Each structure stands twice: as C-alpha cells, then as structure tokens.
PDB file of all heavy atoms in Angstrom:
ATOM      1  N   ARG A   1       0.732 -14.428  -2.489  1.00  0.00           N
ATOM      2  CA  ARG A   1       0.704 -14.838  -1.088  1.00  0.00           C
ATOM      3  C   ARG A   1       1.458 -13.861  -0.190  1.00  0.00           C
ATOM      4  O   ARG A   1       2.498 -13.321  -0.575  1.00  0.00           O
ATOM      5  CB  ARG A   1       1.340 -16.226  -0.933  1.00  0.00           C
ATOM      6  CG  ARG A   1       0.503 -17.351  -1.520  1.00  0.00           C
ATOM      7  CD  ARG A   1       1.215 -18.685  -1.353  1.00  0.00           C
ATOM      8  NE  ARG A   1       0.428 -19.777  -1.933  1.00  0.00           N
ATOM      9  CZ  ARG A   1       0.907 -20.987  -2.148  1.00  0.00           C
ATOM     10  NH1 ARG A   1       2.176 -21.267  -1.848  1.00  0.00           N
ATOM     11  NH2 ARG A   1       0.131 -21.926  -2.662  1.00  0.00           N
ATOM     12  N   VAL A   2       0.915 -13.674   1.010  1.00  0.00           N
ATOM     13  CA  VAL A   2       1.660 -12.976   2.058  1.00  0.00           C
ATOM     14  C   VAL A   2       2.826 -13.870   2.467  1.00  0.00           C
ATOM     15  O   VAL A   2       2.638 -15.053   2.774  1.00  0.00           O
ATOM     16  CB  VAL A   2       0.761 -12.672   3.266  1.00  0.00           C
ATOM     17  CG1 VAL A   2       1.585 -12.096   4.420  1.00  0.00           C
ATOM     18  CG2 VAL A   2      -0.351 -11.711   2.870  1.00  0.00           C
ATOM     19  N   MET A   3       4.025 -13.325   2.461  1.00  0.00           N
ATOM     20  CA  MET A   3       5.223 -14.091   2.784  1.00  0.00           C
ATOM     21  C   MET A   3       5.692 -13.785   4.203  1.00  0.00           C
ATOM     22  O   MET A   3       5.119 -12.954   4.893  1.00  0.00           O
ATOM     23  CB  MET A   3       6.310 -13.777   1.760  1.00  0.00           C
ATOM     24  CG  MET A   3       5.960 -14.268   0.361  1.00  0.00           C
ATOM     25  SD  MET A   3       7.012 -13.555  -0.946  1.00  0.00           S
ATOM     26  CE  MET A   3       5.937 -12.240  -1.541  1.00  0.00           C
ATOM     27  N   MET A   4       6.722 -14.470   4.639  1.00  0.00           N
ATOM     28  CA  MET A   4       7.205 -14.265   6.000  1.00  0.00           C
ATOM     29  C   MET A   4       7.628 -12.823   6.243  1.00  0.00           C
ATOM     30  O   MET A   4       7.330 -12.239   7.296  1.00  0.00           O
ATOM     31  CB  MET A   4       8.386 -15.202   6.296  1.00  0.00           C
ATOM     32  CG  MET A   4       8.875 -15.136   7.731  1.00  0.00           C
ATOM     33  SD  MET A   4      10.316 -16.194   8.053  1.00  0.00           S
ATOM     34  CE  MET A   4       9.613 -17.821   7.755  1.00  0.00           C
ATOM     35  N   ASN A   5       8.301 -12.224   5.268  1.00  0.00           N
ATOM     36  CA  ASN A   5       8.839 -10.884   5.437  1.00  0.00           C
ATOM     37  C   ASN A   5       8.439  -9.914   4.333  1.00  0.00           C
ATOM     38  O   ASN A   5       8.952  -8.796   4.291  1.00  0.00           O
ATOM     39  CB  ASN A   5      10.374 -10.934   5.508  1.00  0.00           C
ATOM     40  CG  ASN A   5      10.876 -11.847   6.599  1.00  0.00           C
ATOM     41  OD1 ASN A   5      11.386 -12.939   6.327  1.00  0.00           O
ATOM     42  ND2 ASN A   5      10.712 -11.427   7.832  1.00  0.00           N
ATOM     43  N   HIS A   6       7.538 -10.327   3.445  1.00  0.00           N
ATOM     44  CA  HIS A   6       7.181  -9.470   2.317  1.00  0.00           C
ATOM     45  C   HIS A   6       5.708  -9.601   1.948  1.00  0.00           C
ATOM     46  O   HIS A   6       5.103 -10.671   2.091  1.00  0.00           O
ATOM     47  CB  HIS A   6       8.025  -9.801   1.076  1.00  0.00           C
ATOM     48  CG  HIS A   6       9.470  -9.530   1.240  1.00  0.00           C
ATOM     49  ND1 HIS A   6      10.376 -10.504   1.653  1.00  0.00           N
ATOM     50  CD2 HIS A   6      10.201  -8.391   1.077  1.00  0.00           C
ATOM     51  CE1 HIS A   6      11.591  -9.979   1.726  1.00  0.00           C
ATOM     52  NE2 HIS A   6      11.507  -8.692   1.377  1.00  0.00           N
ATOM     53  N   VAL A   7       5.169  -8.499   1.451  1.00  0.00           N
ATOM     54  CA  VAL A   7       3.845  -8.447   0.843  1.00  0.00           C
ATOM     55  C   VAL A   7       3.994  -7.677  -0.465  1.00  0.00           C
ATOM     56  O   VAL A   7       4.735  -6.688  -0.529  1.00  0.00           O
ATOM     57  CB  VAL A   7       2.832  -7.729   1.768  1.00  0.00           C
ATOM     58  CG1 VAL A   7       1.530  -7.454   1.034  1.00  0.00           C
ATOM     59  CG2 VAL A   7       2.559  -8.558   3.013  1.00  0.00           C
ATOM     60  N   ILE A   8       3.306  -8.126  -1.509  1.00  0.00           N
ATOM     61  CA  ILE A   8       3.349  -7.431  -2.796  1.00  0.00           C
ATOM     62  C   ILE A   8       1.949  -6.892  -3.083  1.00  0.00           C
ATOM     63  O   ILE A   8       0.945  -7.609  -2.951  1.00  0.00           O
ATOM     64  CB  ILE A   8       3.817  -8.367  -3.920  1.00  0.00           C
ATOM     65  CG1 ILE A   8       5.216  -8.923  -3.590  1.00  0.00           C
ATOM     66  CG2 ILE A   8       3.844  -7.630  -5.258  1.00  0.00           C
ATOM     67  CD1 ILE A   8       5.721  -9.955  -4.569  1.00  0.00           C
ATOM     68  N   VAL A   9       1.877  -5.615  -3.453  1.00  0.00           N
ATOM     69  CA  VAL A   9       0.585  -4.984  -3.706  1.00  0.00           C
ATOM     70  C   VAL A   9       0.590  -4.315  -5.080  1.00  0.00           C
ATOM     71  O   VAL A   9       1.639  -3.859  -5.565  1.00  0.00           O
ATOM     72  CB  VAL A   9       0.232  -3.955  -2.614  1.00  0.00           C
ATOM     73  CG1 VAL A   9       0.083  -4.636  -1.263  1.00  0.00           C
ATOM     74  CG2 VAL A   9       1.263  -2.847  -2.532  1.00  0.00           C
ATOM     75  N   ASP A  10      -0.571  -4.277  -5.691  1.00  0.00           N
ATOM     76  CA  ASP A  10      -0.753  -3.632  -6.986  1.00  0.00           C
ATOM     77  C   ASP A  10      -1.017  -2.144  -6.754  1.00  0.00           C
ATOM     78  O   ASP A  10      -2.056  -1.757  -6.221  1.00  0.00           O
ATOM     79  CB  ASP A  10      -1.937  -4.290  -7.709  1.00  0.00           C
ATOM     80  CG  ASP A  10      -2.209  -3.677  -9.083  1.00  0.00           C
ATOM     81  OD1 ASP A  10      -1.634  -2.620  -9.405  1.00  0.00           O
ATOM     82  OD2 ASP A  10      -3.031  -4.257  -9.816  1.00  0.00           O
ATOM     83  N   VAL A  11      -0.054  -1.300  -7.145  1.00  0.00           N
ATOM     84  CA  VAL A  11      -0.179   0.143  -6.928  1.00  0.00           C
ATOM     85  C   VAL A  11      -0.338   0.892  -8.254  1.00  0.00           C
ATOM     86  O   VAL A  11      -0.086   2.091  -8.330  1.00  0.00           O
ATOM     87  CB  VAL A  11       1.039   0.690  -6.150  1.00  0.00           C
ATOM     88  CG1 VAL A  11       1.097   0.092  -4.754  1.00  0.00           C
ATOM     89  CG2 VAL A  11       2.344   0.435  -6.910  1.00  0.00           C
ATOM     90  N   THR A  12      -0.764   0.185  -9.289  1.00  0.00           N
ATOM     91  CA  THR A  12      -0.856   0.778 -10.622  1.00  0.00           C
ATOM     92  C   THR A  12      -1.658   2.072 -10.628  1.00  0.00           C
ATOM     93  O   THR A  12      -1.284   3.047 -11.297  1.00  0.00           O
ATOM     94  CB  THR A  12      -1.489  -0.232 -11.595  1.00  0.00           C
ATOM     95  OG1 THR A  12      -0.763  -1.468 -11.542  1.00  0.00           O
ATOM     96  CG2 THR A  12      -1.468   0.300 -13.022  1.00  0.00           C
ATOM     97  N   HIS A  13      -2.750   2.101  -9.904  1.00  0.00           N
ATOM     98  CA  HIS A  13      -3.646   3.258  -9.944  1.00  0.00           C
ATOM     99  C   HIS A  13      -3.417   4.223  -8.773  1.00  0.00           C
ATOM    100  O   HIS A  13      -4.163   5.190  -8.626  1.00  0.00           O
ATOM    101  CB  HIS A  13      -5.102   2.782  -9.942  1.00  0.00           C
ATOM    102  CG  HIS A  13      -5.431   1.880 -11.093  1.00  0.00           C
ATOM    103  ND1 HIS A  13      -5.443   2.322 -12.392  1.00  0.00           N
ATOM    104  CD2 HIS A  13      -5.715   0.547 -11.135  1.00  0.00           C
ATOM    105  CE1 HIS A  13      -5.751   1.307 -13.195  1.00  0.00           C
ATOM    106  NE2 HIS A  13      -5.912   0.222 -12.462  1.00  0.00           N
ATOM    107  N   ALA A  14      -2.398   3.960  -7.948  1.00  0.00           N
ATOM    108  CA  ALA A  14      -2.162   4.813  -6.780  1.00  0.00           C
ATOM    109  C   ALA A  14      -0.933   5.693  -6.929  1.00  0.00           C
ATOM    110  O   ALA A  14      -0.760   6.635  -6.165  1.00  0.00           O
ATOM    111  CB  ALA A  14      -2.031   3.947  -5.529  1.00  0.00           C
ATOM    112  N   THR A  15      -0.069   5.391  -7.879  1.00  0.00           N
ATOM    113  CA  THR A  15       1.145   6.182  -8.059  1.00  0.00           C
ATOM    114  C   THR A  15       1.513   6.199  -9.532  1.00  0.00           C
ATOM    115  O   THR A  15       1.203   5.248 -10.270  1.00  0.00           O
ATOM    116  CB  THR A  15       2.303   5.626  -7.202  1.00  0.00           C
ATOM    117  OG1 THR A  15       3.456   6.458  -7.348  1.00  0.00           O
ATOM    118  CG2 THR A  15       2.647   4.202  -7.597  1.00  0.00           C
ATOM    119  N   ARG A  16       2.206   7.249  -9.961  1.00  0.00           N
ATOM    120  CA  ARG A  16       2.510   7.413 -11.381  1.00  0.00           C
ATOM    121  C   ARG A  16       3.936   7.027 -11.746  1.00  0.00           C
ATOM    122  O   ARG A  16       4.306   7.081 -12.914  1.00  0.00           O
ATOM    123  CB  ARG A  16       2.268   8.869 -11.792  1.00  0.00           C
ATOM    124  CG  ARG A  16       0.833   9.312 -11.655  1.00  0.00           C
ATOM    125  CD  ARG A  16       0.674  10.768 -12.068  1.00  0.00           C
ATOM    126  NE  ARG A  16      -0.718  11.207 -11.980  1.00  0.00           N
ATOM    127  CZ  ARG A  16      -1.124  12.440 -12.276  1.00  0.00           C
ATOM    128  NH1 ARG A  16      -0.234  13.344 -12.691  1.00  0.00           N
ATOM    129  NH2 ARG A  16      -2.390  12.761 -12.163  1.00  0.00           N
ATOM    130  N   ASP A  17       4.726   6.669 -10.754  1.00  0.00           N
ATOM    131  CA  ASP A  17       6.124   6.356 -11.047  1.00  0.00           C
ATOM    132  C   ASP A  17       6.616   5.298 -10.061  1.00  0.00           C
ATOM    133  O   ASP A  17       5.840   4.737  -9.287  1.00  0.00           O
ATOM    134  CB  ASP A  17       6.991   7.620 -10.990  1.00  0.00           C
ATOM    135  CG  ASP A  17       6.806   8.391  -9.699  1.00  0.00           C
ATOM    136  OD1 ASP A  17       6.802   7.757  -8.623  1.00  0.00           O
ATOM    137  OD2 ASP A  17       6.669   9.634  -9.746  1.00  0.00           O
ATOM    138  N   GLU A  18       7.921   5.063 -10.099  1.00  0.00           N
ATOM    139  CA  GLU A  18       8.500   4.002  -9.277  1.00  0.00           C
ATOM    140  C   GLU A  18       9.254   4.551  -8.060  1.00  0.00           C
ATOM    141  O   GLU A  18      10.098   3.871  -7.481  1.00  0.00           O
ATOM    142  CB  GLU A  18       9.441   3.131 -10.121  1.00  0.00           C
ATOM    143  CG  GLU A  18       8.716   2.169 -11.057  1.00  0.00           C
ATOM    144  CD  GLU A  18       8.038   2.885 -12.211  1.00  0.00           C
ATOM    145  OE1 GLU A  18       8.753   3.542 -12.993  1.00  0.00           O
ATOM    146  OE2 GLU A  18       6.795   2.825 -12.314  1.00  0.00           O
ATOM    147  N   ARG A  19       8.937   5.764  -7.689  1.00  0.00           N
ATOM    148  CA  ARG A  19       9.575   6.319  -6.496  1.00  0.00           C
ATOM    149  C   ARG A  19       9.078   5.597  -5.237  1.00  0.00           C
ATOM    150  O   ARG A  19       7.966   5.050  -5.220  1.00  0.00           O
ATOM    151  CB  ARG A  19       9.293   7.810  -6.389  1.00  0.00           C
ATOM    152  CG  ARG A  19      10.076   8.657  -7.375  1.00  0.00           C
ATOM    153  CD  ARG A  19       9.777  10.133  -7.193  1.00  0.00           C
ATOM    154  NE  ARG A  19       8.384  10.437  -7.541  1.00  0.00           N
ATOM    155  CZ  ARG A  19       7.870  11.661  -7.485  1.00  0.00           C
ATOM    156  NH1 ARG A  19       8.619  12.689  -7.067  1.00  0.00           N
ATOM    157  NH2 ARG A  19       6.615  11.863  -7.830  1.00  0.00           N
ATOM    158  N   PRO A  20       9.880   5.589  -4.148  1.00  0.00           N
ATOM    159  CA  PRO A  20       9.440   4.951  -2.903  1.00  0.00           C
ATOM    160  C   PRO A  20       8.116   5.542  -2.414  1.00  0.00           C
ATOM    161  O   PRO A  20       7.812   6.717  -2.642  1.00  0.00           O
ATOM    162  CB  PRO A  20      10.577   5.251  -1.928  1.00  0.00           C
ATOM    163  CG  PRO A  20      11.776   5.467  -2.798  1.00  0.00           C
ATOM    164  CD  PRO A  20      11.258   6.124  -4.047  1.00  0.00           C
ATOM    165  N   LEU A  21       7.354   4.722  -1.757  1.00  0.00           N
ATOM    166  CA  LEU A  21       6.054   5.146  -1.257  1.00  0.00           C
ATOM    167  C   LEU A  21       5.831   4.570   0.139  1.00  0.00           C
ATOM    168  O   LEU A  21       6.591   3.721   0.616  1.00  0.00           O
ATOM    169  CB  LEU A  21       4.945   4.715  -2.215  1.00  0.00           C
ATOM    170  CG  LEU A  21       4.891   3.237  -2.615  1.00  0.00           C
ATOM    171  CD1 LEU A  21       4.179   2.384  -1.573  1.00  0.00           C
ATOM    172  CD2 LEU A  21       4.217   3.081  -3.972  1.00  0.00           C
ATOM    173  N   VAL A  22       4.788   5.048   0.787  1.00  0.00           N
ATOM    174  CA  VAL A  22       4.400   4.534   2.104  1.00  0.00           C
ATOM    175  C   VAL A  22       2.996   3.953   1.991  1.00  0.00           C
ATOM    176  O   VAL A  22       2.084   4.601   1.475  1.00  0.00           O
ATOM    177  CB  VAL A  22       4.442   5.638   3.175  1.00  0.00           C
ATOM    178  CG1 VAL A  22       3.841   5.148   4.488  1.00  0.00           C
ATOM    179  CG2 VAL A  22       5.877   6.106   3.402  1.00  0.00           C
ATOM    180  N   ALA A  23       2.841   2.738   2.461  1.00  0.00           N
ATOM    181  CA  ALA A  23       1.541   2.073   2.469  1.00  0.00           C
ATOM    182  C   ALA A  23       0.996   2.034   3.892  1.00  0.00           C
ATOM    183  O   ALA A  23       1.744   1.854   4.853  1.00  0.00           O
ATOM    184  CB  ALA A  23       1.664   0.653   1.923  1.00  0.00           C
ATOM    185  N   THR A  24      -0.299   2.191   4.020  1.00  0.00           N
ATOM    186  CA  THR A  24      -0.985   2.036   5.301  1.00  0.00           C
ATOM    187  C   THR A  24      -1.634   0.668   5.328  1.00  0.00           C
ATOM    188  O   THR A  24      -2.515   0.371   4.511  1.00  0.00           O
ATOM    189  CB  THR A  24      -2.042   3.139   5.500  1.00  0.00           C
ATOM    190  OG1 THR A  24      -1.381   4.411   5.556  1.00  0.00           O
ATOM    191  CG2 THR A  24      -2.824   2.927   6.782  1.00  0.00           C
ATOM    192  N   LEU A  25      -1.182  -0.169   6.256  1.00  0.00           N
ATOM    193  CA  LEU A  25      -1.735  -1.511   6.393  1.00  0.00           C
ATOM    194  C   LEU A  25      -2.970  -1.518   7.278  1.00  0.00           C
ATOM    195  O   LEU A  25      -3.845  -2.376   7.151  1.00  0.00           O
ATOM    196  CB  LEU A  25      -0.689  -2.456   6.989  1.00  0.00           C
ATOM    197  CG  LEU A  25       0.692  -2.459   6.330  1.00  0.00           C
ATOM    198  CD1 LEU A  25       1.629  -3.377   7.079  1.00  0.00           C
ATOM    199  CD2 LEU A  25       0.594  -2.860   4.878  1.00  0.00           C
ATOM    200  N   LEU A  26      -3.018  -0.582   8.201  1.00  0.00           N
ATOM    201  CA  LEU A  26      -4.108  -0.475   9.156  1.00  0.00           C
ATOM    202  C   LEU A  26      -4.225   0.991   9.546  1.00  0.00           C
ATOM    203  O   LEU A  26      -3.230   1.612   9.915  1.00  0.00           O
ATOM    204  CB  LEU A  26      -3.805  -1.335  10.384  1.00  0.00           C
ATOM    205  CG  LEU A  26      -4.850  -1.438  11.492  1.00  0.00           C
ATOM    206  CD1 LEU A  26      -6.109  -2.109  10.972  1.00  0.00           C
ATOM    207  CD2 LEU A  26      -4.289  -2.218  12.670  1.00  0.00           C
ATOM    208  N   GLY A  27      -5.408   1.556   9.417  1.00  0.00           N
ATOM    209  CA  GLY A  27      -5.565   2.963   9.758  1.00  0.00           C
ATOM    210  C   GLY A  27      -6.110   3.766   8.597  1.00  0.00           C
ATOM    211  O   GLY A  27      -6.696   3.221   7.653  1.00  0.00           O
ATOM    212  N   GLN A  28      -5.887   5.076   8.648  1.00  0.00           N
ATOM    213  CA  GLN A  28      -6.490   5.993   7.679  1.00  0.00           C
ATOM    214  C   GLN A  28      -5.438   6.627   6.788  1.00  0.00           C
ATOM    215  O   GLN A  28      -4.342   6.957   7.225  1.00  0.00           O
ATOM    216  CB  GLN A  28      -7.269   7.101   8.411  1.00  0.00           C
ATOM    217  CG  GLN A  28      -8.054   8.005   7.482  1.00  0.00           C
ATOM    218  CD  GLN A  28      -9.017   8.899   8.231  1.00  0.00           C
ATOM    219  OE1 GLN A  28      -9.148   8.803   9.442  1.00  0.00           O
ATOM    220  NE2 GLN A  28      -9.700   9.780   7.508  1.00  0.00           N
ATOM    221  N   ASP A  29      -5.790   6.792   5.522  1.00  0.00           N
ATOM    222  CA  ASP A  29      -4.978   7.529   4.558  1.00  0.00           C
ATOM    223  C   ASP A  29      -5.949   8.273   3.654  1.00  0.00           C
ATOM    224  O   ASP A  29      -6.695   7.658   2.886  1.00  0.00           O
ATOM    225  CB  ASP A  29      -4.098   6.577   3.751  1.00  0.00           C
ATOM    226  CG  ASP A  29      -3.184   7.315   2.770  1.00  0.00           C
ATOM    227  OD1 ASP A  29      -3.231   8.559   2.735  1.00  0.00           O
ATOM    228  OD2 ASP A  29      -2.442   6.645   2.041  1.00  0.00           O
ATOM    229  N   GLY A  30      -5.969   9.588   3.764  1.00  0.00           N
ATOM    230  CA  GLY A  30      -6.953  10.365   3.021  1.00  0.00           C
ATOM    231  C   GLY A  30      -8.353  10.065   3.513  1.00  0.00           C
ATOM    232  O   GLY A  30      -8.604  10.028   4.719  1.00  0.00           O
ATOM    233  N   ASP A  31      -9.251   9.812   2.586  1.00  0.00           N
ATOM    234  CA  ASP A  31     -10.638   9.507   2.953  1.00  0.00           C
ATOM    235  C   ASP A  31     -10.870   8.013   3.166  1.00  0.00           C
ATOM    236  O   ASP A  31     -11.979   7.605   3.540  1.00  0.00           O
ATOM    237  CB  ASP A  31     -11.600  10.001   1.863  1.00  0.00           C
ATOM    238  CG  ASP A  31     -11.602  11.515   1.745  1.00  0.00           C
ATOM    239  OD1 ASP A  31     -11.356  12.191   2.767  1.00  0.00           O
ATOM    240  OD2 ASP A  31     -11.824  12.021   0.624  1.00  0.00           O
ATOM    241  N   GLU A  32      -9.865   7.220   2.918  1.00  0.00           N
ATOM    242  CA  GLU A  32     -10.006   5.772   3.070  1.00  0.00           C
ATOM    243  C   GLU A  32      -9.524   5.325   4.450  1.00  0.00           C
ATOM    244  O   GLU A  32      -8.619   5.920   5.029  1.00  0.00           O
ATOM    245  CB  GLU A  32      -9.209   5.037   1.990  1.00  0.00           C
ATOM    246  CG  GLU A  32      -9.819   5.126   0.603  1.00  0.00           C
ATOM    247  CD  GLU A  32     -11.006   4.191   0.433  1.00  0.00           C
ATOM    248  OE1 GLU A  32     -11.369   3.485   1.400  1.00  0.00           O
ATOM    249  OE2 GLU A  32     -11.572   4.160  -0.679  1.00  0.00           O
ATOM    250  N   HIS A  33     -10.128   4.251   4.941  1.00  0.00           N
ATOM    251  CA  HIS A  33      -9.773   3.748   6.257  1.00  0.00           C
ATOM    252  C   HIS A  33      -9.823   2.227   6.233  1.00  0.00           C
ATOM    253  O   HIS A  33     -10.799   1.643   5.759  1.00  0.00           O
ATOM    254  CB  HIS A  33     -10.751   4.276   7.317  1.00  0.00           C
ATOM    255  CG  HIS A  33     -10.217   4.229   8.717  1.00  0.00           C
ATOM    256  ND1 HIS A  33      -9.843   3.061   9.328  1.00  0.00           N
ATOM    257  CD2 HIS A  33      -9.972   5.212   9.621  1.00  0.00           C
ATOM    258  CE1 HIS A  33      -9.403   3.321  10.553  1.00  0.00           C
ATOM    259  NE2 HIS A  33      -9.473   4.630  10.749  1.00  0.00           N
ATOM    260  N   LEU A  34      -8.783   1.588   6.739  1.00  0.00           N
ATOM    261  CA  LEU A  34      -8.756   0.136   6.918  1.00  0.00           C
ATOM    262  C   LEU A  34      -8.896  -0.156   8.406  1.00  0.00           C
ATOM    263  O   LEU A  34      -8.005   0.150   9.201  1.00  0.00           O
ATOM    264  CB  LEU A  34      -7.452  -0.459   6.383  1.00  0.00           C
ATOM    265  CG  LEU A  34      -7.335  -0.583   4.869  1.00  0.00           C
ATOM    266  CD1 LEU A  34      -5.927  -1.044   4.496  1.00  0.00           C
ATOM    267  CD2 LEU A  34      -8.366  -1.572   4.321  1.00  0.00           C
ATOM    268  N   HIS A  35     -10.019  -0.733   8.794  1.00  0.00           N
ATOM    269  CA  HIS A  35     -10.299  -1.013  10.196  1.00  0.00           C
ATOM    270  C   HIS A  35      -9.741  -2.383  10.588  1.00  0.00           C
ATOM    271  O   HIS A  35      -9.667  -3.309   9.775  1.00  0.00           O
ATOM    272  CB  HIS A  35     -11.803  -0.993  10.447  1.00  0.00           C
ATOM    273  CG  HIS A  35     -12.424   0.356  10.224  1.00  0.00           C
ATOM    274  ND1 HIS A  35     -12.453   1.330  11.202  1.00  0.00           N
ATOM    275  CD2 HIS A  35     -13.029   0.891   9.132  1.00  0.00           C
ATOM    276  CE1 HIS A  35     -13.051   2.406  10.722  1.00  0.00           C
ATOM    277  NE2 HIS A  35     -13.414   2.176   9.476  1.00  0.00           N
TER     278      HIS A  35
END
C-alpha cells in the first residue's frame, strides 16, 4: 500500500546493489516515460 509518507517499490531488476537511488514518479527516465 501507498502510505502517508512512504512508498515501497521493487527495484530488483533496476539496480545491482543497495546504494541510494533516485526514482522518477512522474516524467521521463531514459527511454521510459510516466505520463
């Protein structure tokens, strides 16, 4: 569930380690776009 202050996403196939990352909730990242 989307929570008041948190969202949890499955990044298994998007990153190879546990270093901090940046997610795009709306907009473009690479060839992908969330309208």
